[in-house]
Amino acid sequence: MIIIQVMGGLGNQLQQYALYRKFVRLGKEARLDLSWFSDKEKRGEVLAERELELAYFDRLVYETCTQEEKAQLIGSEGIAGKLKRKLLPGTIKWFHESKIYHPELLQMENMYLSGYFACEKYYADILYDLREKIQFPKSGNPENEKMAQEMQERESVSVHVRRGDYLDAENTAMFGNICTDAYYRGAIEYVKKICGNPHFYIFSDDIPYVRQQFTGEEYTIVDINHGRDSFFDMWLMSRCRHNICANSTFSFWGARLNPNDNKIMIRPTIHKNSQVFVKEEMEELWPGWEFISPDGEVK
């Protein structure tokens, strides 16, 4: 049995779900472990705010593991399990993601998997199936349907600007100065060269900032959804014809769920400052994407 730990925000949860669906398509017995969301004390004050947003979707089908099935792979939660992990590590079947792509992952059988699994290559071949499985509920705000219809009728491009927690000192060291002003200028100019008369829909967790940065008739600031309803911003991104993403799994999934066969998907060359961009490697691991560097250069 394969058990995949579900944790983090919506984008990460969808990646873990996508990997689960990949194992199911391979004919393997797979389960999701949702216990991370019920153990707020271990997660800390900030992470305690995370919710199981997979539950927001309509008719999303998955199987969850039991405590007994989990314990068979990694030991129990109590003292006995901790001792087993310390004294008999060879009996523990617990895989921790440590790099962007693990080619051996899909060959595993009995294993508990922890990680975010952002790499497109894991599930690129089943994205058509994931688009059918991942169905957003109907929004209670009619402005969402109105805007989605508008997006379908024009050369619409979503632009995601993530700030919020990325402005914290620790996160800035890891994620900052990647999606710079030059990155967005380069991405927008790239789309303009290919598409006739594109219109850009700006999504952000810092609306006052993007109102200052993106002015003019070619931009629409999307300020419809707040709080729990921010979930619907991903749906609106997926209704655009093309997508410019931040270094954020939230906008990655807005692009992945976009069914347009001729879409342009743009992402930054790196997700974290600890990474080094290797063009040939990223083209293999993220098929169909365009890459733009922090200085605005198309790679």
Protein backbone atom coordinates (compact mmCIF):
# COMPACT_ATOMS: atom_id res chain seq x y z
CA MET A 1 0.00 0.00 0.00
CA ILE A 2 1.03 3.59 -0.76
CA ILE A 3 -0.04 6.24 1.75
CA ILE A 4 0.45 9.92 0.86
CA GLN A 5 0.48 12.52 3.61
CA VAL A 6 -1.75 15.50 2.80
CA MET A 7 -0.53 18.81 4.24
CA GLY A 8 -0.03 22.49 3.47
CA GLY A 9 -2.21 24.87 1.49
CA LEU A 10 -4.61 24.21 -1.36
CA GLY A 11 -1.98 23.98 -4.11
CA ASN A 12 0.09 21.48 -2.15
CA GLN A 13 -2.97 19.43 -1.27
CA LEU A 14 -3.87 19.19 -4.96
CA GLN A 15 -0.35 17.99 -5.80
CA GLN A 16 -0.56 15.27 -3.18
CA TYR A 17 -4.00 14.32 -4.50
CA ALA A 18 -2.64 14.28 -8.07
CA LEU A 19 0.13 11.89 -7.04
CA TYR A 20 -2.47 9.71 -5.32
CA ARG A 21 -4.49 9.60 -8.56
CA LYS A 22 -1.33 8.67 -10.47
CA PHE A 23 -0.74 5.65 -8.23
CA VAL A 24 -4.39 4.64 -8.62
CA ARG A 25 -4.06 4.85 -12.42
CA LEU A 26 -1.00 2.61 -12.16
CA GLY A 27 -3.21 0.00 -10.49
CA LYS A 28 -1.66 0.36 -7.04
CA GLU A 29 -3.47 0.39 -3.73
CA ALA A 30 -3.21 3.97 -2.49
CA ARG A 31 -4.60 6.03 0.38
CA LEU A 32 -4.45 9.62 1.64
CA ASP A 33 -3.51 10.44 5.23
CA LEU A 34 -5.45 13.53 6.38
CA SER A 35 -4.34 13.49 10.03
CA TRP A 36 -2.04 16.53 9.59
CA PHE A 37 -5.10 18.78 9.67
CA SER A 38 -6.38 17.48 12.98
CA ASP A 39 -3.04 17.77 14.83
CA LYS A 40 -2.78 21.55 15.15
CA GLU A 41 -0.49 21.47 18.19
CA LYS A 42 2.31 19.79 16.25
CA ARG A 43 1.94 22.13 13.29
CA GLY A 44 2.43 25.38 15.20
CA GLU A 45 0.50 28.64 15.29
CA VAL A 46 0.84 29.68 11.62
CA LEU A 47 0.29 26.26 10.07
CA ALA A 48 -2.68 25.68 12.36
CA GLU A 49 -4.63 28.03 10.10
CA ARG A 50 -4.49 25.53 7.24
CA GLU A 51 -7.66 23.63 6.44
CA LEU A 52 -8.38 20.54 4.38
CA GLU A 53 -9.45 22.42 1.27
CA LEU A 54 -9.78 19.21 -0.74
CA ALA A 55 -13.09 18.92 1.12
CA TYR A 56 -14.31 22.11 -0.60
CA PHE A 57 -14.52 20.44 -4.01
CA ASP A 58 -17.64 18.77 -5.35
CA ARG A 59 -17.55 14.99 -5.51
CA LEU A 60 -13.77 14.63 -5.11
CA VAL A 61 -13.24 10.89 -4.66
CA TYR A 62 -10.40 9.44 -2.59
CA GLU A 63 -9.75 6.81 0.05
CA THR A 64 -8.15 7.61 3.39
CA CYS A 65 -5.92 5.35 5.45
CA THR A 66 -6.66 3.98 8.89
CA GLN A 67 -4.32 4.49 11.85
CA GLU A 68 -3.51 0.77 11.66
CA GLU A 69 -2.50 0.97 7.98
CA LYS A 70 -0.31 3.99 8.69
CA ALA A 71 1.29 2.31 11.72
CA GLN A 72 2.21 -0.75 9.65
CA LEU A 73 4.46 1.46 7.52
CA ILE A 74 5.89 4.02 9.97
CA GLY A 75 5.00 2.80 13.44
CA SER A 76 2.44 4.11 15.89
CA GLU A 77 2.10 7.64 17.23
CA GLY A 78 3.02 6.64 20.80
CA ILE A 79 6.28 5.90 22.59
CA ALA A 80 6.52 2.41 21.10
CA GLY A 81 6.37 3.83 17.58
CA LYS A 82 9.01 6.44 18.31
CA LEU A 83 11.33 3.80 19.73
CA LYS A 84 10.79 1.60 16.70
CA ARG A 85 11.71 4.45 14.36
CA LYS A 86 14.84 5.19 16.39
CA LEU A 87 16.07 1.68 17.16
CA LEU A 88 14.84 -0.23 14.11
CA PRO A 89 14.97 2.26 11.22
CA GLY A 90 15.21 -0.55 8.69
CA THR A 91 11.64 -1.58 9.47
CA ILE A 92 10.25 1.90 8.72
CA LYS A 93 8.78 2.53 5.26
CA TRP A 94 8.75 6.33 5.23
CA PHE A 95 9.92 8.31 2.18
CA HIS A 96 10.69 12.04 2.51
CA GLU A 97 10.89 14.16 -0.63
CA SER A 98 14.34 15.75 -0.88
CA LYS A 99 14.64 17.04 -4.46
CA ILE A 100 12.53 18.37 -7.29
CA TYR A 101 11.90 14.95 -8.88
CA HIS A 102 12.41 11.37 -7.71
CA PRO A 103 12.27 9.02 -10.71
CA GLU A 104 12.03 5.98 -8.42
CA LEU A 105 8.90 7.23 -6.67
CA LEU A 106 6.27 5.67 -8.93
CA GLN A 107 7.97 2.26 -8.68
CA MET A 108 7.47 2.09 -4.91
CA GLU A 109 5.06 -0.38 -3.34
CA ASN A 110 4.69 -0.34 0.46
CA MET A 111 5.63 3.20 1.47
CA TYR A 112 4.42 6.26 3.37
CA LEU A 113 5.19 9.38 1.30
CA SER A 114 5.81 12.86 2.73
CA GLY A 115 6.42 15.83 0.44
CA TYR A 116 4.79 18.41 -1.81
CA PHE A 117 5.48 16.74 -5.19
CA ALA A 118 5.16 19.91 -7.26
CA CYS A 119 6.95 18.48 -10.29
CA GLU A 120 4.63 18.29 -13.30
CA LYS A 121 6.25 15.13 -14.63
CA TYR A 122 4.70 12.98 -11.89
CA TYR A 123 1.18 13.48 -13.23
CA ALA A 124 1.42 15.41 -16.54
CA ASP A 125 -0.06 12.46 -18.43
CA ILE A 126 -3.22 12.35 -16.28
CA LEU A 127 -3.98 16.08 -16.09
CA TYR A 128 -6.95 15.54 -18.42
CA ASP A 129 -8.38 13.12 -15.85
CA LEU A 130 -7.59 15.43 -12.95
CA ARG A 131 -9.54 18.25 -14.63
CA GLU A 132 -12.58 15.98 -14.66
CA LYS A 133 -12.08 14.86 -11.06
CA ILE A 134 -11.39 18.31 -9.57
CA GLN A 135 -14.75 20.06 -9.82
CA PHE A 136 -15.29 23.39 -8.07
CA PRO A 137 -18.65 23.93 -6.39
CA LYS A 138 -20.90 26.72 -7.62
CA SER A 139 -19.96 30.02 -6.02
CA GLY A 140 -22.55 31.87 -4.01
CA ASN A 141 -21.23 35.14 -5.48
CA PRO A 142 -22.74 35.80 -8.96
CA GLU A 143 -19.76 38.04 -9.78
CA ASN A 144 -17.61 34.92 -10.19
CA GLU A 145 -19.84 33.49 -12.95
CA LYS A 146 -20.03 36.89 -14.62
CA MET A 147 -16.25 37.30 -14.64
CA ALA A 148 -15.68 33.71 -15.81
CA GLN A 149 -17.98 34.32 -18.77
CA GLU A 150 -16.11 37.52 -19.60
CA MET A 151 -12.80 35.63 -19.46
CA GLN A 152 -14.07 33.05 -21.93
CA GLU A 153 -15.08 35.73 -24.44
CA ARG A 154 -11.72 37.50 -24.70
CA GLU A 155 -7.99 36.75 -24.87
CA SER A 156 -7.79 36.56 -21.10
CA VAL A 157 -4.58 36.05 -19.12
CA SER A 158 -4.40 35.42 -15.38
CA VAL A 159 -1.50 37.04 -13.52
CA HIS A 160 -0.83 35.87 -9.96
CA VAL A 161 1.12 38.13 -7.60
CA ARG A 162 1.77 36.48 -4.25
CA ARG A 163 2.97 38.63 -1.38
CA GLY A 164 1.45 38.03 2.09
CA ASP A 165 3.60 35.52 3.96
CA TYR A 166 6.31 35.79 1.29
CA LEU A 167 7.17 39.18 2.79
CA ASP A 168 8.14 37.63 6.14
CA ALA A 169 11.92 37.70 6.64
CA GLU A 170 12.34 33.93 6.66
CA ASN A 171 10.14 33.43 3.61
CA THR A 172 11.73 36.30 1.72
CA ALA A 173 15.11 34.58 2.00
CA MET A 174 13.56 31.45 0.50
CA PHE A 175 10.98 32.78 -1.97
CA GLY A 176 11.72 36.48 -2.40
CA ASN A 177 13.11 38.37 -5.41
CA ILE A 178 12.00 35.64 -7.83
CA CYS A 179 8.75 37.06 -9.18
CA THR A 180 10.11 40.58 -9.51
CA ASP A 181 8.62 43.53 -11.40
CA ALA A 182 10.95 42.55 -14.26
CA TYR A 183 9.57 39.00 -14.21
CA TYR A 184 6.00 40.25 -14.65
CA ARG A 185 7.00 42.77 -17.33
CA GLY A 186 8.82 40.04 -19.24
CA ALA A 187 5.89 37.64 -18.94
CA ILE A 188 3.34 40.22 -20.04
CA GLU A 189 5.45 41.30 -23.01
CA TYR A 190 5.93 37.65 -24.01
CA VAL A 191 2.16 37.11 -24.09
CA LYS A 192 1.60 40.33 -26.03
CA LYS A 193 3.99 39.17 -28.77
CA ILE A 194 1.99 35.97 -29.26
CA CYS A 195 -1.62 36.97 -28.54
CA GLY A 196 -3.65 39.65 -30.20
CA ASN A 197 -5.07 42.18 -27.74
CA PRO A 198 -4.72 40.19 -24.49
CA HIS A 199 -6.45 41.35 -21.32
CA PHE A 200 -4.76 40.65 -17.99
CA TYR A 201 -6.65 39.64 -14.83
CA ILE A 202 -4.56 40.33 -11.73
CA PHE A 203 -4.95 38.02 -8.72
CA SER A 204 -3.18 38.77 -5.45
CA ASP A 205 -3.31 38.57 -1.66
CA ASP A 206 -2.26 42.26 -1.64
CA ILE A 207 -4.88 44.16 -3.62
CA PRO A 208 -3.69 47.70 -2.69
CA TYR A 209 -0.21 46.81 -3.99
CA VAL A 210 -1.39 45.47 -7.37
CA ARG A 211 -3.75 48.41 -7.85
CA GLN A 212 -0.66 50.64 -7.79
CA GLN A 213 1.46 48.32 -9.96
CA PHE A 214 -1.01 47.42 -12.70
CA THR A 215 -2.79 50.46 -14.08
CA GLY A 216 -4.44 50.92 -17.42
CA GLU A 217 -7.35 49.50 -19.41
CA GLU A 218 -5.55 46.25 -20.23
CA TYR A 219 -5.72 45.18 -16.57
CA THR A 220 -8.57 44.04 -14.34
CA ILE A 221 -7.85 43.65 -10.63
CA VAL A 222 -9.78 40.63 -9.33
CA ASP A 223 -11.11 41.55 -5.90
CA ILE A 224 -14.18 39.33 -5.63
CA ASN A 225 -13.27 36.52 -3.25
CA HIS A 226 -12.08 36.86 0.34
CA GLY A 227 -11.39 34.53 3.26
CA ARG A 228 -12.52 30.99 2.56
CA ASP A 229 -13.93 32.10 -0.81
CA SER A 230 -10.38 32.89 -2.01
CA PHE A 231 -10.58 29.27 -3.14
CA PHE A 232 -12.58 30.51 -6.15
CA ASP A 233 -9.67 32.62 -7.41
CA MET A 234 -8.06 29.38 -8.56
CA TRP A 235 -11.22 28.55 -10.51
CA LEU A 236 -11.20 31.97 -12.17
CA MET A 237 -7.53 31.53 -13.11
CA SER A 238 -8.44 28.25 -14.78
CA ARG A 239 -11.16 30.04 -16.80
CA CYS A 240 -8.58 32.35 -18.42
CA ARG A 241 -7.12 31.34 -21.77
CA HIS A 242 -3.52 31.80 -20.59
CA ASN A 243 -1.75 31.93 -17.24
CA ILE A 244 1.18 33.83 -15.74
CA CYS A 245 2.06 32.23 -12.41
CA ALA A 246 3.92 33.29 -9.31
CA ASN A 247 6.29 30.89 -7.56
CA SER A 248 3.17 29.52 -5.92
CA THR A 249 1.43 26.17 -6.24
CA PHE A 250 -1.91 28.02 -6.06
CA SER A 251 -1.41 29.60 -9.48
CA PHE A 252 0.33 26.49 -10.84
CA TRP A 253 -2.98 24.70 -10.34
CA GLY A 254 -4.93 27.56 -11.87
CA ALA A 255 -2.89 26.90 -15.02
CA ARG A 256 -3.02 23.10 -14.77
CA LEU A 257 -6.80 23.10 -14.50
CA ASN A 258 -7.12 25.40 -17.52
CA PRO A 259 -8.58 23.16 -20.29
CA ASN A 260 -7.51 25.42 -23.20
CA ASP A 261 -5.44 23.29 -25.60
CA ASN A 262 -3.57 26.35 -26.89
CA LYS A 263 -2.82 27.95 -23.54
CA ILE A 264 0.40 29.72 -22.65
CA MET A 265 1.61 28.77 -19.16
CA ILE A 266 4.40 30.90 -17.71
CA ARG A 267 6.24 30.27 -14.46
CA PRO A 268 9.46 31.61 -12.91
CA THR A 269 12.66 29.73 -13.65
CA ILE A 270 12.98 28.73 -9.98
CA HIS A 271 10.53 28.21 -7.12
CA LYS A 272 13.03 28.78 -4.29
CA ASN A 273 16.27 30.73 -4.12
CA SER A 274 18.12 27.53 -3.26
CA GLN A 275 17.40 26.11 -6.71
CA VAL A 276 19.50 26.43 -9.86
CA PHE A 277 17.70 26.67 -13.19
CA VAL A 278 18.81 24.09 -15.76
CA LYS A 279 16.79 24.65 -18.93
CA GLU A 280 16.91 21.12 -20.33
CA GLU A 281 15.97 19.58 -16.98
CA MET A 282 13.06 21.93 -16.37
CA GLU A 283 11.69 21.46 -19.88
CA GLU A 284 11.57 17.73 -19.20
CA LEU A 285 10.09 18.04 -15.71
CA TRP A 286 7.59 20.80 -16.59
CA PRO A 287 6.45 19.97 -20.15
CA GLY A 288 4.52 22.70 -21.93
CA TRP A 289 5.60 25.57 -19.66
CA GLU A 290 7.52 28.74 -20.52
CA PHE A 291 10.19 29.94 -18.07
CA ILE A 292 11.09 33.54 -17.27
CA SER A 293 13.93 34.60 -14.99
CA PRO A 294 13.79 37.23 -12.21
CA ASP A 295 15.41 39.73 -14.58
CA GLY A 296 12.58 39.22 -17.11
CA GLU A 297 14.47 37.07 -19.60
CA VAL A 298 12.59 34.33 -21.45
CA LYS A 299 14.61 31.12 -21.13
